[in-house]
Amino acid sequence: MTQAPDNAQKFKYAGSRILIYGALFVWAFVCLFPIYWTVSTSFKTAVNVTQGDIIPWVGRFQPDWKGWRSLGLSPDTIGEISTVRDEFLLRFRNSVLVSLGSAMLAVIIGSLAAYGLSRFQYRFGPWRNKDISFFFLSQLILPPVVLAMPFLVLYKELALLDSIIGLILIYTLTVLPIVIWIMRDQFDTIPTELEQAALVDGCTVWGAFFRIILPIALPGMVAAFILAVVLCWNEYFFAALLTSTNAKTIPVMVASQTGSQGISWWSMAALSTGAVTPLILIGIFLERFIVKGLTAGAVK
């Protein structure tokens, strides 16, 4: 008597699973197709780009090293002298230095600020801790173009134009609100009794912070650091505005692949592939740290 209802329930369960996996497949395709298009375009010729060929070895699309050859990174040019390859490596190094330096500085400053907002009560006129925290986060609403002229004049006076240090400072300010918000949530989930016990045992406030709180909040710090690196790596506006020769980064070089005959899509795709590869590796190998850090404060 109960077999028919059980079968109906099984069919309903199987149908819901099919819908879920179907939706996930569509979403994965939407997210991954731009990466596939970029990588495949780096192996296209001008005809393949203009004709919109997508699948390799189908029709006219015969993969070619044209995009990588223009950067001196193809198998037949990797051993030769290439000014374009040297420039790419220089821009790649600049991106690494700026991203890691900005993320590290933002995590150090942001962790201290977040710890203060989590453990101490402040009053700045009518503002309290929550108001101050929201003020930091509200800085993300401000369009970067509004800050273009002030920072351009300030950096000119301070001789920070076209310098790695200048980009590190402004990128630190850019990602600092996100780091503070993430780390404050991490510190809020750590019981204050741990610090009180450490103070009773003779630790100072700084000692309790470095010995007790910081190791517990380390997953959140790693997640904030990785997120800051990704945001700094992809930033284009300030890198294009405040640099000219020495401190240019990968996004600026990618956007400069234009000439008298139009956009060099294959070169731009090869550059974009080289630029996005470190972020893909970070996502693959550090996924568990990112998820653990971002979800650590979800359950108290």
Protein backbone atom coordinates (compact mmCIF):
# COMPACT_ATOMS: atom_id res chain seq x y z
CA MET A 1 0.00 0.00 0.00
CA THR A 2 2.93 2.34 0.66
CA GLN A 3 4.97 1.44 -2.43
CA ALA A 4 3.31 3.99 -4.73
CA PRO A 5 3.85 6.94 -2.36
CA ASP A 6 7.48 5.84 -1.84
CA ASN A 7 8.06 5.75 -5.61
CA ALA A 8 6.44 9.15 -6.02
CA GLN A 9 8.66 10.55 -3.30
CA LYS A 10 11.74 9.05 -4.96
CA PHE A 11 10.77 10.56 -8.32
CA LYS A 12 10.21 13.93 -6.65
CA TYR A 13 13.59 13.73 -4.93
CA ALA A 14 15.31 12.72 -8.18
CA GLY A 15 13.57 15.55 -10.04
CA SER A 16 14.68 18.13 -7.50
CA ARG A 17 18.25 16.83 -7.69
CA ILE A 18 18.20 17.10 -11.48
CA LEU A 19 16.98 20.69 -11.28
CA ILE A 20 19.62 21.60 -8.72
CA TYR A 21 22.47 20.04 -10.68
CA GLY A 22 21.13 21.53 -13.90
CA ALA A 23 21.10 25.01 -12.36
CA LEU A 24 24.63 24.49 -10.99
CA PHE A 25 25.82 23.33 -14.42
CA VAL A 26 24.36 26.42 -16.09
CA TRP A 27 25.91 28.71 -13.47
CA ALA A 28 29.30 26.97 -13.79
CA PHE A 29 29.13 27.40 -17.56
CA VAL A 30 28.33 31.11 -17.19
CA CYS A 31 31.25 31.60 -14.77
CA LEU A 32 33.83 29.51 -16.63
CA PHE A 33 33.04 30.44 -20.23
CA PRO A 34 34.84 33.85 -20.08
CA ILE A 35 37.98 32.05 -18.88
CA TYR A 36 37.66 29.49 -21.68
CA TRP A 37 37.10 32.25 -24.24
CA THR A 38 40.16 34.15 -23.02
CA VAL A 39 42.45 31.10 -23.09
CA SER A 40 41.18 29.92 -26.49
CA THR A 41 41.50 33.42 -27.99
CA SER A 42 45.19 33.46 -27.08
CA PHE A 43 45.60 30.61 -29.61
CA LYS A 44 43.52 32.24 -32.37
CA THR A 45 44.50 34.11 -35.50
CA ALA A 46 42.80 37.26 -36.78
CA VAL A 47 40.40 35.24 -38.94
CA ASN A 48 39.30 33.07 -36.00
CA VAL A 49 38.67 36.15 -33.86
CA THR A 50 36.61 38.01 -36.47
CA GLN A 51 34.61 34.91 -37.42
CA GLY A 52 33.84 34.04 -33.81
CA ASP A 53 35.28 30.51 -33.87
CA ILE A 54 35.09 28.94 -30.42
CA ILE A 55 35.90 25.20 -30.54
CA PRO A 56 39.49 24.25 -31.49
CA TRP A 57 40.07 22.00 -34.49
CA VAL A 58 36.53 22.61 -35.68
CA GLY A 59 36.17 24.45 -39.00
CA ARG A 60 38.75 27.23 -39.43
CA PHE A 61 39.95 27.24 -35.82
CA GLN A 62 43.37 25.60 -35.89
CA PRO A 63 45.18 26.63 -32.66
CA ASP A 64 48.21 28.83 -33.24
CA TRP A 65 50.79 30.39 -30.91
CA LYS A 66 50.23 33.88 -32.36
CA GLY A 67 49.10 35.49 -29.11
CA TRP A 68 51.93 33.97 -27.08
CA ARG A 69 54.45 34.61 -29.88
CA SER A 70 53.67 38.33 -29.70
CA LEU A 71 54.72 38.24 -26.03
CA GLY A 72 57.84 36.15 -26.66
CA LEU A 73 56.36 33.26 -24.64
CA SER A 74 55.72 30.72 -27.41
CA PRO A 75 57.88 27.57 -27.66
CA ASP A 76 59.75 28.96 -30.68
CA THR A 77 60.49 32.38 -29.09
CA ILE A 78 61.00 31.56 -25.42
CA GLY A 79 64.76 31.23 -25.89
CA GLU A 80 65.16 34.45 -27.85
CA ILE A 81 65.56 38.02 -26.61
CA SER A 82 62.17 39.75 -26.35
CA THR A 83 61.52 43.26 -25.06
CA VAL A 84 57.80 42.51 -24.79
CA ARG A 85 58.48 39.47 -22.59
CA ASP A 86 60.79 41.54 -20.39
CA GLU A 87 58.07 44.17 -20.04
CA PHE A 88 55.49 41.52 -19.18
CA LEU A 89 57.73 40.04 -16.49
CA LEU A 90 58.36 43.54 -15.09
CA ARG A 91 54.64 44.32 -14.93
CA PHE A 92 53.97 40.90 -13.41
CA ARG A 93 56.59 41.56 -10.73
CA ASN A 94 55.06 44.96 -10.02
CA SER A 95 51.63 43.38 -9.58
CA VAL A 96 53.04 40.77 -7.20
CA LEU A 97 54.88 43.36 -5.08
CA VAL A 98 51.95 45.77 -4.96
CA SER A 99 49.32 43.11 -4.23
CA LEU A 100 51.26 41.29 -1.52
CA GLY A 101 52.53 44.49 0.09
CA SER A 102 49.11 46.15 0.14
CA ALA A 103 47.34 43.04 1.42
CA MET A 104 49.89 42.49 4.19
CA LEU A 105 49.76 46.11 5.32
CA ALA A 106 45.95 46.13 5.18
CA VAL A 107 45.70 42.94 7.26
CA ILE A 108 48.08 44.28 9.91
CA ILE A 109 46.32 47.65 10.26
CA GLY A 110 42.83 46.21 9.73
CA SER A 111 43.30 43.49 12.36
CA LEU A 112 44.34 46.02 14.99
CA ALA A 113 41.45 48.33 14.12
CA ALA A 114 38.96 45.46 14.09
CA TYR A 115 40.21 44.16 17.45
CA GLY A 116 39.72 47.59 18.97
CA LEU A 117 36.20 47.89 17.57
CA SER A 118 35.36 44.40 18.83
CA ARG A 119 36.77 44.63 22.36
CA PHE A 120 36.57 48.29 23.37
CA GLN A 121 33.77 50.84 23.37
CA TYR A 122 34.47 54.09 21.56
CA ARG A 123 32.57 57.33 21.36
CA PHE A 124 33.24 59.94 18.71
CA GLY A 125 30.56 62.57 19.08
CA PRO A 126 27.25 60.78 18.41
CA TRP A 127 29.05 57.82 16.84
CA ARG A 128 29.53 54.47 18.56
CA ASN A 129 31.36 51.31 17.50
CA LYS A 130 28.71 50.20 15.03
CA ASP A 131 28.63 53.64 13.43
CA ILE A 132 32.40 53.69 13.08
CA SER A 133 32.40 50.20 11.54
CA PHE A 134 29.71 51.20 9.07
CA PHE A 135 31.68 54.34 8.21
CA PHE A 136 34.66 52.19 7.20
CA LEU A 137 32.45 49.96 5.04
CA SER A 138 30.68 52.94 3.48
CA GLN A 139 33.99 54.04 1.93
CA LEU A 140 33.47 51.29 -0.66
CA ILE A 141 30.45 53.20 -1.99
CA LEU A 142 32.61 56.15 -2.98
CA PRO A 143 33.52 55.95 -6.72
CA PRO A 144 37.31 55.90 -7.27
CA VAL A 145 37.03 58.64 -9.91
CA VAL A 146 36.00 61.09 -7.16
CA LEU A 147 39.41 60.62 -5.56
CA ALA A 148 41.35 60.93 -8.83
CA MET A 149 42.21 64.64 -8.67
CA PRO A 150 43.02 64.82 -4.90
CA PHE A 151 45.32 61.80 -5.04
CA LEU A 152 46.95 62.99 -8.26
CA VAL A 153 47.82 66.36 -6.69
CA LEU A 154 48.85 64.78 -3.38
CA TYR A 155 51.10 62.18 -5.00
CA LYS A 156 52.72 64.83 -7.17
CA GLU A 157 53.59 66.89 -4.09
CA LEU A 158 54.90 63.83 -2.23
CA ALA A 159 56.85 62.52 -5.27
CA LEU A 160 54.95 59.23 -5.16
CA LEU A 161 53.81 59.20 -8.79
CA ASP A 162 54.90 56.12 -10.76
CA SER A 163 56.19 54.34 -7.65
CA ILE A 164 55.52 50.95 -6.08
CA ILE A 165 55.25 52.54 -2.62
CA GLY A 166 52.57 54.93 -3.86
CA LEU A 167 50.44 52.11 -5.25
CA ILE A 168 50.87 50.05 -2.08
CA LEU A 169 49.63 52.94 0.06
CA ILE A 170 46.55 53.69 -2.02
CA TYR A 171 45.68 50.01 -2.49
CA THR A 172 45.94 49.54 1.27
CA LEU A 173 43.36 52.29 1.76
CA THR A 174 41.17 50.67 -0.89
CA VAL A 175 40.96 47.21 0.70
CA LEU A 176 41.23 48.28 4.35
CA PRO A 177 37.43 48.59 4.90
CA ILE A 178 36.83 45.01 3.76
CA VAL A 179 39.63 43.68 5.96
CA ILE A 180 38.29 45.56 8.99
CA TRP A 181 34.77 44.24 8.42
CA ILE A 182 35.93 40.62 8.05
CA MET A 183 38.28 40.71 11.03
CA ARG A 184 35.80 42.44 13.32
CA ASP A 185 33.36 39.61 12.66
CA GLN A 186 36.14 37.12 13.46
CA PHE A 187 37.01 38.76 16.77
CA ASP A 188 33.33 39.03 17.76
CA THR A 189 33.04 35.23 17.67
CA ILE A 190 35.97 34.71 20.09
CA PRO A 191 34.81 34.63 23.75
CA THR A 192 36.17 37.46 25.88
CA GLU A 193 36.66 34.97 28.72
CA LEU A 194 39.82 33.74 26.99
CA GLU A 195 41.40 37.17 27.25
CA GLN A 196 40.22 37.63 30.81
CA ALA A 197 41.83 34.33 31.78
CA ALA A 198 45.07 35.38 30.07
CA LEU A 199 45.04 38.72 31.93
CA VAL A 200 44.53 36.91 35.22
CA ASP A 201 47.55 34.71 34.41
CA GLY A 202 49.69 37.82 34.00
CA CYS A 203 49.45 38.61 30.28
CA THR A 204 49.16 42.17 29.12
CA VAL A 205 46.49 43.24 26.63
CA TRP A 206 49.01 42.93 23.80
CA GLY A 207 50.21 39.58 25.12
CA ALA A 208 46.65 38.22 25.19
CA PHE A 209 46.10 39.53 21.68
CA PHE A 210 49.21 37.96 20.15
CA ARG A 211 49.24 34.70 22.15
CA ILE A 212 45.54 33.89 22.45
CA ILE A 213 43.34 35.84 20.06
CA LEU A 214 45.55 36.05 16.98
CA PRO A 215 46.09 32.27 16.55
CA ILE A 216 42.33 31.66 16.84
CA ALA A 217 41.53 34.38 14.30
CA LEU A 218 44.24 33.21 11.87
CA PRO A 219 41.79 31.58 9.37
CA GLY A 220 39.93 34.87 9.05
CA MET A 221 43.20 36.74 8.56
CA VAL A 222 44.19 34.35 5.78
CA ALA A 223 40.82 34.80 4.07
CA ALA A 224 41.07 38.60 4.37
CA PHE A 225 44.63 38.52 3.04
CA ILE A 226 43.68 36.42 0.00
CA LEU A 227 40.67 38.60 -0.76
CA ALA A 228 42.82 41.73 -0.48
CA VAL A 229 45.43 40.23 -2.83
CA VAL A 230 42.78 39.44 -5.44
CA LEU A 231 41.25 42.93 -5.25
CA CYS A 232 44.64 44.65 -5.49
CA TRP A 233 45.73 42.39 -8.35
CA ASN A 234 42.67 43.31 -10.43
CA GLU A 235 42.71 47.06 -9.71
CA TYR A 236 43.14 49.18 -12.84
CA PHE A 237 41.97 52.76 -12.27
CA PHE A 238 44.61 53.99 -9.83
CA ALA A 239 47.35 51.98 -11.54
CA ALA A 240 46.56 53.72 -14.83
CA LEU A 241 46.18 57.14 -13.18
CA LEU A 242 49.22 57.22 -10.91
CA THR A 243 51.80 55.32 -12.98
CA SER A 244 53.48 55.98 -16.30
CA THR A 245 56.54 53.79 -16.82
CA ASN A 246 58.20 52.08 -13.86
CA ALA A 247 55.28 51.00 -11.66
CA LYS A 248 52.73 49.89 -14.25
CA THR A 249 50.91 46.66 -13.40
CA ILE A 250 49.46 43.81 -15.43
CA PRO A 251 45.91 45.28 -15.82
CA VAL A 252 47.35 48.46 -17.35
CA MET A 253 49.44 46.43 -19.79
CA VAL A 254 46.42 44.33 -20.77
CA ALA A 255 44.35 47.44 -21.52
CA SER A 256 47.14 48.91 -23.66
CA GLN A 257 46.98 46.22 -26.37
CA THR A 258 45.62 48.55 -29.03
CA GLY A 259 47.21 49.86 -32.17
CA SER A 260 46.55 51.61 -35.46
CA GLN A 261 44.77 48.49 -36.74
CA GLY A 262 42.56 48.06 -33.70
CA ILE A 263 42.70 45.77 -30.68
CA SER A 264 45.17 42.91 -30.71
CA TRP A 265 42.75 40.38 -29.24
CA TRP A 266 45.20 37.45 -29.28
CA SER A 267 47.88 39.43 -27.43
CA MET A 268 45.34 40.78 -24.95
CA ALA A 269 44.00 37.26 -24.38
CA ALA A 270 47.50 35.88 -23.80
CA LEU A 271 48.25 38.68 -21.33
CA SER A 272 44.91 38.13 -19.58
CA THR A 273 45.60 34.40 -19.34
CA GLY A 274 48.96 35.08 -17.72
CA ALA A 275 47.37 37.62 -15.38
CA VAL A 276 44.48 35.44 -14.27
CA THR A 277 46.51 32.23 -13.80
CA PRO A 278 47.83 33.15 -10.30
CA LEU A 279 44.28 33.95 -9.15
CA ILE A 280 43.04 30.59 -10.47
CA LEU A 281 45.82 28.79 -8.61
CA ILE A 282 44.94 30.70 -5.44
CA GLY A 283 41.30 29.68 -5.80
CA ILE A 284 42.21 26.02 -6.36
CA PHE A 285 44.85 25.48 -3.68
CA LEU A 286 43.63 27.91 -1.02
CA GLU A 287 39.88 27.39 -1.34
CA ARG A 288 39.56 25.67 2.03
CA PHE A 289 41.30 28.56 3.78
CA ILE A 290 39.04 31.09 2.07
CA VAL A 291 35.84 29.20 2.93
CA LYS A 292 36.99 28.45 6.49
CA GLY A 293 37.93 32.05 7.11
CA LEU A 294 34.78 33.60 5.65
CA THR A 295 32.44 31.16 7.41
CA ALA A 296 34.22 31.06 10.78
CA GLY A 297 32.05 33.86 12.12
CA ALA A 298 28.77 32.49 10.79
CA VAL A 299 28.16 30.18 13.77
CA LYS A 300 28.82 31.24 17.33
